[in-house]
Amino acid sequence: MKIAYSMVPNALGWVLVAATTRGICAVKLGDDPEQLLTKLQRRFPGTQISRDGQGLQSALQLLQNYLAGQDPPADLPLDEQGTPFQQRVWQELRRIPYGQTISYKELATRIGQPTAYRAVANACAQNPVAIFTPCHRVIRENGELGGYAGGVERKRLLLEKERGN
């Protein structure tokens, strides 16, 4: 398998977007570009990974549009590699409307496993394509933000941006 990636700075730090021939396989947010690349390499060990300066420009533009207040299109080609359970969780995440949040427990209920909220939280933590699969829209039942692979402060900023704050 071959993966192409690109990185750009933005209002939230750095964003890395990576894709296979089937679709976007990773979106990572962070403060350190080298750390983002290391995370990509750990996620896909033994894979040929190369920088792509042009091929991912449309995906990067969609992320910039998102940061400007637009929800990414729902029909983006994604290559999310995970277990069947993770796939169900990630699919349901994409059904959460822009600017809205639900609890981990509600998400578990939506996939037909109301007691599996901890497993749902873990699947959210393993989400490979942040923003396009909006795990940041899932919060704790008590209203606290919970965790986020890109950092809780970044999660708060994403939610504020979606709410127009």
N, C-alpha and C. Protein backbone atom coordinates (compact mmCIF):
# COMPACT_ATOMS: atom_id res chain seq x y z
N MET A 1 0.84 -1.18 0.00
CA MET A 1 0.00 0.00 0.00
C MET A 1 0.89 1.24 0.00
N LYS A 2 0.45 2.25 -0.73
CA LYS A 2 1.15 3.52 -0.77
C LYS A 2 0.25 4.61 -0.21
N ILE A 3 0.85 5.51 0.55
CA ILE A 3 0.11 6.62 1.15
C ILE A 3 0.83 7.92 0.80
N ALA A 4 0.06 8.88 0.34
CA ALA A 4 0.58 10.22 0.09
C ALA A 4 0.04 11.13 1.19
N TYR A 5 0.86 12.09 1.61
CA TYR A 5 0.41 12.99 2.66
C TYR A 5 0.85 14.42 2.35
N SER A 6 0.17 15.34 2.99
CA SER A 6 0.53 16.75 2.92
C SER A 6 0.21 17.37 4.27
N MET A 7 0.93 18.44 4.61
CA MET A 7 0.71 19.14 5.88
C MET A 7 0.72 20.64 5.64
N VAL A 8 -0.14 21.34 6.39
CA VAL A 8 -0.15 22.80 6.33
C VAL A 8 -0.45 23.34 7.73
N PRO A 9 0.05 24.53 8.02
CA PRO A 9 -0.36 25.18 9.27
C PRO A 9 -1.74 25.78 9.08
N ASN A 10 -2.49 25.87 10.18
CA ASN A 10 -3.80 26.52 10.13
C ASN A 10 -4.09 27.13 11.50
N ALA A 11 -5.31 27.59 11.68
CA ALA A 11 -5.68 28.26 12.92
C ALA A 11 -5.59 27.36 14.15
N LEU A 12 -5.54 26.05 13.95
CA LEU A 12 -5.50 25.10 15.07
C LEU A 12 -4.13 24.48 15.26
N GLY A 13 -3.13 24.98 14.57
CA GLY A 13 -1.79 24.40 14.63
C GLY A 13 -1.41 23.87 13.27
N TRP A 14 -1.17 22.58 13.19
CA TRP A 14 -0.85 21.91 11.93
C TRP A 14 -1.90 20.86 11.64
N VAL A 15 -2.14 20.63 10.36
CA VAL A 15 -3.02 19.54 9.95
C VAL A 15 -2.28 18.70 8.92
N LEU A 16 -2.36 17.38 9.10
CA LEU A 16 -1.80 16.42 8.16
C LEU A 16 -2.98 15.68 7.53
N VAL A 17 -2.96 15.58 6.21
CA VAL A 17 -3.96 14.80 5.48
C VAL A 17 -3.20 13.76 4.68
N ALA A 18 -3.68 12.52 4.73
CA ALA A 18 -3.05 11.43 3.99
C ALA A 18 -4.11 10.63 3.27
N ALA A 19 -3.72 10.04 2.14
CA ALA A 19 -4.68 9.27 1.35
C ALA A 19 -4.02 8.08 0.68
N THR A 20 -4.83 7.06 0.49
CA THR A 20 -4.48 5.92 -0.35
C THR A 20 -5.19 6.15 -1.69
N THR A 21 -5.09 5.20 -2.58
CA THR A 21 -5.82 5.34 -3.84
C THR A 21 -7.33 5.23 -3.64
N ARG A 22 -7.77 4.69 -2.50
CA ARG A 22 -9.21 4.54 -2.22
C ARG A 22 -9.82 5.77 -1.56
N GLY A 23 -9.00 6.59 -0.91
CA GLY A 23 -9.55 7.78 -0.26
C GLY A 23 -8.69 8.26 0.88
N ILE A 24 -9.20 9.24 1.59
CA ILE A 24 -8.48 9.83 2.72
C ILE A 24 -8.41 8.80 3.84
N CYS A 25 -7.19 8.54 4.31
CA CYS A 25 -6.99 7.52 5.34
C CYS A 25 -6.56 8.12 6.68
N ALA A 26 -6.18 9.40 6.68
CA ALA A 26 -5.76 10.02 7.93
C ALA A 26 -5.90 11.53 7.85
N VAL A 27 -6.40 12.09 8.94
CA VAL A 27 -6.37 13.54 9.18
C VAL A 27 -5.94 13.69 10.62
N LYS A 28 -4.81 14.32 10.83
CA LYS A 28 -4.25 14.49 12.17
C LYS A 28 -4.06 15.98 12.44
N LEU A 29 -4.37 16.39 13.66
CA LEU A 29 -4.19 17.77 14.10
C LEU A 29 -3.16 17.80 15.21
N GLY A 30 -2.30 18.80 15.21
CA GLY A 30 -1.30 18.90 16.27
C GLY A 30 -0.47 20.15 16.15
N ASP A 31 0.52 20.25 17.02
CA ASP A 31 1.39 21.43 17.06
C ASP A 31 2.73 21.20 16.38
N ASP A 32 3.10 19.95 16.17
CA ASP A 32 4.43 19.62 15.67
C ASP A 32 4.32 18.77 14.40
N PRO A 33 4.72 19.29 13.24
CA PRO A 33 4.60 18.53 12.00
C PRO A 33 5.35 17.19 12.02
N GLU A 34 6.51 17.16 12.63
CA GLU A 34 7.26 15.91 12.69
C GLU A 34 6.53 14.86 13.53
N GLN A 35 5.90 15.31 14.61
CA GLN A 35 5.13 14.39 15.45
C GLN A 35 3.92 13.84 14.69
N LEU A 36 3.29 14.67 13.88
CA LEU A 36 2.15 14.21 13.08
C LEU A 36 2.60 13.15 12.07
N LEU A 37 3.73 13.37 11.42
CA LEU A 37 4.25 12.40 10.48
C LEU A 37 4.61 11.10 11.19
N THR A 38 5.20 11.19 12.37
CA THR A 38 5.52 9.99 13.15
C THR A 38 4.26 9.20 13.48
N LYS A 39 3.18 9.90 13.86
CA LYS A 39 1.91 9.22 14.15
C LYS A 39 1.38 8.50 12.91
N LEU A 40 1.50 9.14 11.76
CA LEU A 40 1.06 8.51 10.51
C LEU A 40 1.88 7.25 10.24
N GLN A 41 3.18 7.34 10.41
CA GLN A 41 4.05 6.18 10.16
C GLN A 41 3.75 5.04 11.14
N ARG A 42 3.42 5.36 12.38
CA ARG A 42 3.07 4.32 13.37
C ARG A 42 1.74 3.68 13.04
N ARG A 43 0.81 4.46 12.51
CA ARG A 43 -0.51 3.92 12.16
C ARG A 43 -0.42 2.96 10.98
N PHE A 44 0.54 3.22 10.08
CA PHE A 44 0.68 2.41 8.87
C PHE A 44 2.11 1.88 8.74
N PRO A 45 2.53 1.00 9.66
CA PRO A 45 3.90 0.49 9.60
C PRO A 45 4.13 -0.33 8.33
N GLY A 46 5.32 -0.20 7.79
CA GLY A 46 5.67 -0.97 6.60
C GLY A 46 5.05 -0.45 5.32
N THR A 47 4.40 0.70 5.37
CA THR A 47 3.76 1.28 4.19
C THR A 47 4.67 2.33 3.58
N GLN A 48 4.65 2.41 2.26
CA GLN A 48 5.41 3.45 1.58
C GLN A 48 4.65 4.77 1.73
N ILE A 49 5.24 5.71 2.46
CA ILE A 49 4.61 7.01 2.72
C ILE A 49 5.47 8.10 2.10
N SER A 50 4.83 8.94 1.29
CA SER A 50 5.57 10.01 0.63
C SER A 50 4.77 11.31 0.66
N ARG A 51 5.50 12.39 0.67
CA ARG A 51 4.88 13.71 0.68
C ARG A 51 4.32 14.01 -0.71
N ASP A 52 3.14 14.64 -0.73
CA ASP A 52 2.46 14.97 -1.97
C ASP A 52 2.08 16.45 -1.91
N GLY A 53 2.70 17.25 -2.71
CA GLY A 53 2.45 18.68 -2.67
C GLY A 53 1.21 19.13 -3.40
N GLN A 54 0.67 18.34 -4.31
CA GLN A 54 -0.45 18.79 -5.13
C GLN A 54 -1.71 17.93 -5.01
N GLY A 55 -1.56 16.62 -4.95
CA GLY A 55 -2.70 15.72 -5.02
C GLY A 55 -3.71 15.84 -3.89
N LEU A 56 -3.29 16.37 -2.77
CA LEU A 56 -4.20 16.47 -1.62
C LEU A 56 -4.71 17.89 -1.40
N GLN A 57 -4.49 18.77 -2.36
CA GLN A 57 -4.90 20.16 -2.21
C GLN A 57 -6.40 20.30 -2.02
N SER A 58 -7.20 19.48 -2.69
CA SER A 58 -8.66 19.59 -2.53
C SER A 58 -9.09 19.21 -1.12
N ALA A 59 -8.48 18.19 -0.55
CA ALA A 59 -8.80 17.80 0.83
C ALA A 59 -8.36 18.88 1.80
N LEU A 60 -7.20 19.46 1.59
CA LEU A 60 -6.73 20.55 2.44
C LEU A 60 -7.64 21.77 2.32
N GLN A 61 -8.13 22.04 1.12
CA GLN A 61 -9.05 23.16 0.93
C GLN A 61 -10.37 22.90 1.67
N LEU A 62 -10.84 21.66 1.65
CA LEU A 62 -12.06 21.32 2.40
C LEU A 62 -11.86 21.57 3.89
N LEU A 63 -10.67 21.25 4.41
CA LEU A 63 -10.39 21.51 5.82
C LEU A 63 -10.34 23.01 6.10
N GLN A 64 -9.75 23.77 5.20
CA GLN A 64 -9.72 25.23 5.36
C GLN A 64 -11.14 25.79 5.31
N ASN A 65 -11.97 25.26 4.41
CA ASN A 65 -13.37 25.69 4.33
C ASN A 65 -14.10 25.37 5.63
N TYR A 66 -13.80 24.20 6.20
CA TYR A 66 -14.41 23.83 7.48
C TYR A 66 -14.04 24.86 8.54
N LEU A 67 -12.78 25.23 8.60
CA LEU A 67 -12.34 26.21 9.60
C LEU A 67 -12.96 27.58 9.34
N ALA A 68 -13.44 27.80 8.12
CA ALA A 68 -14.12 29.06 7.78
C ALA A 68 -15.62 28.96 7.98
N GLY A 69 -16.11 27.81 8.49
CA GLY A 69 -17.51 27.69 8.83
C GLY A 69 -18.36 26.81 7.95
N GLN A 70 -17.75 25.97 7.12
CA GLN A 70 -18.52 25.08 6.24
C GLN A 70 -18.33 23.63 6.65
N ASP A 71 -19.42 22.90 6.68
CA ASP A 71 -19.34 21.47 6.99
C ASP A 71 -18.75 20.74 5.77
N PRO A 72 -17.78 19.84 5.98
CA PRO A 72 -17.22 19.10 4.84
C PRO A 72 -18.32 18.25 4.17
N PRO A 73 -18.20 18.00 2.88
CA PRO A 73 -19.20 17.19 2.18
C PRO A 73 -19.26 15.77 2.75
N ALA A 74 -20.45 15.22 2.76
CA ALA A 74 -20.66 13.89 3.33
C ALA A 74 -20.19 12.76 2.41
N ASP A 75 -19.98 13.05 1.14
CA ASP A 75 -19.64 11.99 0.18
C ASP A 75 -18.15 11.90 -0.14
N LEU A 76 -17.34 12.38 0.76
CA LEU A 76 -15.89 12.31 0.56
C LEU A 76 -15.42 10.86 0.52
N PRO A 77 -14.53 10.51 -0.38
CA PRO A 77 -14.01 9.14 -0.36
C PRO A 77 -13.04 8.96 0.81
N LEU A 78 -13.41 8.08 1.72
CA LEU A 78 -12.59 7.80 2.90
C LEU A 78 -12.09 6.37 2.85
N ASP A 79 -10.92 6.16 3.37
CA ASP A 79 -10.35 4.82 3.50
C ASP A 79 -10.02 4.62 4.98
N GLU A 80 -11.08 4.54 5.78
CA GLU A 80 -10.92 4.35 7.23
C GLU A 80 -10.72 2.87 7.50
N GLN A 81 -9.59 2.53 8.02
CA GLN A 81 -9.29 1.13 8.29
C GLN A 81 -9.48 0.87 9.78
N GLY A 82 -10.44 0.01 10.09
CA GLY A 82 -10.74 -0.31 11.47
C GLY A 82 -11.60 -1.55 11.56
N THR A 83 -11.93 -1.91 12.78
CA THR A 83 -12.77 -3.09 13.02
C THR A 83 -14.20 -2.79 12.58
N PRO A 84 -15.02 -3.82 12.42
CA PRO A 84 -16.43 -3.58 12.07
C PRO A 84 -17.13 -2.68 13.11
N PHE A 85 -16.82 -2.86 14.40
CA PHE A 85 -17.41 -2.01 15.43
C PHE A 85 -16.98 -0.56 15.22
N GLN A 86 -15.68 -0.34 15.02
CA GLN A 86 -15.19 1.03 14.79
C GLN A 86 -15.86 1.63 13.56
N GLN A 87 -16.01 0.85 12.52
CA GLN A 87 -16.64 1.34 11.29
C GLN A 87 -18.07 1.82 11.56
N ARG A 88 -18.81 1.05 12.38
CA ARG A 88 -20.18 1.47 12.71
C ARG A 88 -20.18 2.77 13.49
N VAL A 89 -19.26 2.91 14.45
CA VAL A 89 -19.17 4.14 15.23
C VAL A 89 -18.81 5.30 14.32
N TRP A 90 -17.82 5.14 13.46
CA TRP A 90 -17.38 6.22 12.60
C TRP A 90 -18.47 6.63 11.61
N GLN A 91 -19.22 5.65 11.13
CA GLN A 91 -20.32 5.96 10.23
C GLN A 91 -21.38 6.81 10.95
N GLU A 92 -21.67 6.44 12.18
CA GLU A 92 -22.66 7.19 12.96
C GLU A 92 -22.16 8.59 13.30
N LEU A 93 -20.86 8.73 13.54
CA LEU A 93 -20.29 10.05 13.81
C LEU A 93 -20.59 11.01 12.66
N ARG A 94 -20.52 10.51 11.44
CA ARG A 94 -20.75 11.36 10.27
C ARG A 94 -22.21 11.78 10.14
N ARG A 95 -23.09 11.19 10.93
CA ARG A 95 -24.51 11.58 10.92
C ARG A 95 -24.83 12.69 11.92
N ILE A 96 -23.87 13.04 12.77
CA ILE A 96 -24.10 14.11 13.74
C ILE A 96 -24.04 15.44 12.98
N PRO A 97 -25.11 16.21 13.04
CA PRO A 97 -25.13 17.47 12.27
C PRO A 97 -24.07 18.47 12.74
N TYR A 98 -23.60 19.23 11.80
CA TYR A 98 -22.64 20.31 12.04
C TYR A 98 -23.17 21.21 13.15
N GLY A 99 -22.31 21.51 14.12
CA GLY A 99 -22.69 22.40 15.21
C GLY A 99 -23.43 21.74 16.36
N GLN A 100 -23.68 20.45 16.28
CA GLN A 100 -24.38 19.75 17.35
C GLN A 100 -23.46 18.74 18.02
N THR A 101 -23.81 18.36 19.24
CA THR A 101 -23.05 17.35 19.95
C THR A 101 -24.01 16.29 20.49
N ILE A 102 -23.45 15.11 20.75
CA ILE A 102 -24.19 14.06 21.44
C ILE A 102 -23.23 13.44 22.46
N SER A 103 -23.77 12.65 23.37
CA SER A 103 -22.93 11.99 24.36
C SER A 103 -22.43 10.64 23.83
N TYR A 104 -21.39 10.14 24.47
CA TYR A 104 -20.88 8.82 24.12
C TYR A 104 -21.98 7.78 24.31
N LYS A 105 -22.78 7.95 25.36
CA LYS A 105 -23.87 7.02 25.65
C LYS A 105 -24.92 7.07 24.53
N GLU A 106 -25.26 8.27 24.08
CA GLU A 106 -26.22 8.41 22.99
C GLU A 106 -25.68 7.77 21.71
N LEU A 107 -24.40 7.96 21.45
CA LEU A 107 -23.80 7.35 20.28
C LEU A 107 -23.87 5.83 20.36
N ALA A 108 -23.59 5.30 21.54
CA ALA A 108 -23.68 3.84 21.74
C ALA A 108 -25.11 3.36 21.49
N THR A 109 -26.08 4.12 21.95
CA THR A 109 -27.49 3.77 21.73
C THR A 109 -27.82 3.80 20.24
N ARG A 110 -27.33 4.79 19.54
CA ARG A 110 -27.60 4.92 18.10
C ARG A 110 -27.06 3.75 17.29
N ILE A 111 -25.98 3.13 17.75
CA ILE A 111 -25.45 1.97 17.01
C ILE A 111 -26.02 0.66 17.55
N GLY A 112 -26.98 0.76 18.47
CA GLY A 112 -27.66 -0.44 18.96
C GLY A 112 -26.95 -1.14 20.10
N GLN A 113 -26.01 -0.47 20.76
CA GLN A 113 -25.29 -1.07 21.88
C GLN A 113 -25.21 -0.06 23.03
N PRO A 114 -26.33 0.20 23.69
CA PRO A 114 -26.39 1.28 24.68
C PRO A 114 -25.45 1.15 25.87
N THR A 115 -24.97 -0.03 26.16
CA THR A 115 -24.05 -0.18 27.29
C THR A 115 -22.58 -0.12 26.86
N ALA A 116 -22.34 0.05 25.59
CA ALA A 116 -20.97 0.02 25.06
C ALA A 116 -20.36 1.42 24.92
N TYR A 117 -20.75 2.34 25.79
CA TYR A 117 -20.28 3.72 25.64
C TYR A 117 -18.77 3.85 25.83
N ARG A 118 -18.15 3.01 26.64
CA ARG A 118 -16.69 3.06 26.78
C ARG A 118 -16.01 2.57 25.50
N ALA A 119 -16.55 1.52 24.90
CA ALA A 119 -16.01 1.04 23.63
C ALA A 119 -16.22 2.08 22.53
N VAL A 120 -17.33 2.79 22.58
CA VAL A 120 -17.59 3.87 21.63
C VAL A 120 -16.56 4.98 21.82
N ALA A 121 -16.28 5.34 23.06
CA ALA A 121 -15.27 6.37 23.33
C ALA A 121 -13.91 5.94 22.79
N ASN A 122 -13.58 4.66 22.94
CA ASN A 122 -12.32 4.15 22.42
C ASN A 122 -12.30 4.20 20.89
N ALA A 123 -13.41 3.86 20.25
CA ALA A 123 -13.49 3.94 18.79
C ALA A 123 -13.33 5.39 18.33
N CYS A 124 -13.91 6.33 19.07
CA CYS A 124 -13.73 7.75 18.75
C CYS A 124 -12.25 8.13 18.86
N ALA A 125 -11.58 7.63 19.88
CA ALA A 125 -10.16 7.93 20.08
C ALA A 125 -9.31 7.35 18.95
N GLN A 126 -9.78 6.29 18.31
CA GLN A 126 -9.03 5.65 17.22
C GLN A 126 -9.44 6.19 15.85
N ASN A 127 -10.34 7.15 15.80
CA ASN A 127 -10.81 7.72 14.55
C ASN A 127 -9.63 8.23 13.72
N PRO A 128 -9.42 7.69 12.53
CA PRO A 128 -8.25 8.09 11.75
C PRO A 128 -8.42 9.40 10.97
N VAL A 129 -9.63 9.85 10.76
CA VAL A 129 -9.84 11.02 9.91
C VAL A 129 -10.62 12.11 10.64
N ALA A 130 -9.93 12.77 11.55
CA ALA A 130 -10.53 13.86 12.33
C ALA A 130 -11.19 14.87 11.39
N ILE A 131 -12.19 15.52 11.88
CA ILE A 131 -13.01 16.52 11.21
C ILE A 131 -13.92 15.89 10.17
N PHE A 132 -13.37 15.13 9.20
CA PHE A 132 -14.22 14.49 8.21
C PHE A 132 -15.13 13.44 8.85
N THR A 133 -14.63 12.76 9.87
CA THR A 133 -15.44 11.91 10.74
C THR A 133 -15.40 12.61 12.09
N PRO A 134 -16.43 13.41 12.39
CA PRO A 134 -16.35 14.41 13.47
C PRO A 134 -16.50 13.86 14.89
N CYS A 135 -15.47 13.17 15.36
CA CYS A 135 -15.50 12.65 16.73
C CYS A 135 -15.48 13.77 17.76
N HIS A 136 -15.07 14.97 17.36
CA HIS A 136 -15.07 16.10 18.29
C HIS A 136 -16.50 16.49 18.71
N ARG A 137 -17.51 16.00 18.01
CA ARG A 137 -18.91 16.32 18.33
C ARG A 137 -19.48 15.41 19.41
N VAL A 138 -18.67 14.52 19.97
CA VAL A 138 -19.13 13.62 21.02
C VAL A 138 -18.53 14.08 22.34
N ILE A 139 -19.40 14.26 23.33
CA ILE A 139 -18.99 14.75 24.64
C ILE A 139 -19.53 13.82 25.72
N ARG A 140 -19.09 14.07 26.93
CA ARG A 140 -19.59 13.27 28.05
C ARG A 140 -21.04 13.63 28.35
N GLU A 141 -21.74 12.70 28.98
CA GLU A 141 -23.15 12.90 29.29
C GLU A 141 -23.37 14.12 30.20
N ASN A 142 -22.38 14.44 31.04
CA ASN A 142 -22.51 15.58 31.95
C ASN A 142 -22.16 16.92 31.29
N GLY A 143 -21.86 16.88 29.98
CA GLY A 143 -21.55 18.10 29.25
C GLY A 143 -20.07 18.41 29.14
N GLU A 144 -19.22 17.70 29.89
CA GLU A 144 -17.77 17.91 29.77
C GLU A 144 -17.30 17.39 28.42
N LEU A 145 -16.21 17.95 27.94
CA LEU A 145 -15.74 17.60 26.60
C LEU A 145 -15.20 16.19 26.49
N GLY A 146 -14.58 15.66 27.51
CA GLY A 146 -13.94 14.35 27.41
C GLY A 146 -12.62 14.50 26.68
N GLY A 147 -12.11 13.43 26.12
CA GLY A 147 -10.81 13.47 25.46
C GLY A 147 -10.91 13.78 23.98
N TYR A 148 -9.74 14.00 23.38
CA TYR A 148 -9.65 14.23 21.94
C TYR A 148 -8.20 14.01 21.53
N ALA A 149 -7.99 13.23 20.49
CA ALA A 149 -6.62 12.91 20.08
C ALA A 149 -5.82 14.16 19.73
N GLY A 150 -6.47 15.18 19.24
CA GLY A 150 -5.79 16.43 18.91
C GLY A 150 -5.66 17.38 20.07
N GLY A 151 -6.13 16.95 21.25
CA GLY A 151 -6.09 17.78 22.45
C GLY A 151 -7.46 18.37 22.76
N VAL A 152 -7.80 18.40 24.03
CA VAL A 152 -9.12 18.87 24.46
C VAL A 152 -9.34 20.34 24.09
N GLU A 153 -8.29 21.15 24.19
CA GLU A 153 -8.43 22.56 23.81
C GLU A 153 -8.79 22.70 22.34
N ARG A 154 -8.20 21.88 21.50
CA ARG A 154 -8.52 21.90 20.07
C ARG A 154 -9.97 21.45 19.86
N LYS A 155 -10.44 20.47 20.62
CA LYS A 155 -11.82 20.03 20.54
C LYS A 155 -12.76 21.17 20.90
N ARG A 156 -12.45 21.88 21.95
CA ARG A 156 -13.27 23.02 22.37
C ARG A 156 -13.32 24.07 21.26
N LEU A 157 -12.17 24.36 20.66
CA LEU A 157 -12.12 25.35 19.58
C LEU A 157 -12.93 24.91 18.36
N LEU A 158 -12.87 23.64 18.02
CA LEU A 158 -13.66 23.11 16.89
C LEU A 158 -15.16 23.28 17.16
N LEU A 159 -15.57 22.93 18.37
CA LEU A 159 -17.00 23.04 18.70
C LEU A 159 -17.44 24.50 18.72
N GLU A 160 -16.61 25.38 19.25
CA GLU A 160 -16.95 26.80 19.25
C GLU A 160 -17.06 27.33 17.82
N LYS A 161 -16.16 26.92 16.97
CA LYS A 161 -16.19 27.37 15.58
C LYS A 161 -17.48 26.90 14.91
N GLU A 162 -17.88 25.66 15.17
CA GLU A 162 -19.11 25.15 14.57
C GLU A 162 -20.35 25.87 15.09
N ARG A 163 -20.29 26.32 16.31
CA ARG A 163 -21.43 27.04 16.90
C ARG A 163 -21.41 28.53 16.58
N GLY A 164 -20.39 28.94 15.81
CA GLY A 164 -20.31 30.34 15.41
C GLY A 164 -19.76 31.26 16.46
N ASN A 165 -19.07 30.71 17.47
CA ASN A 165 -18.49 31.54 18.53
C ASN A 165 -17.10 31.99 18.19
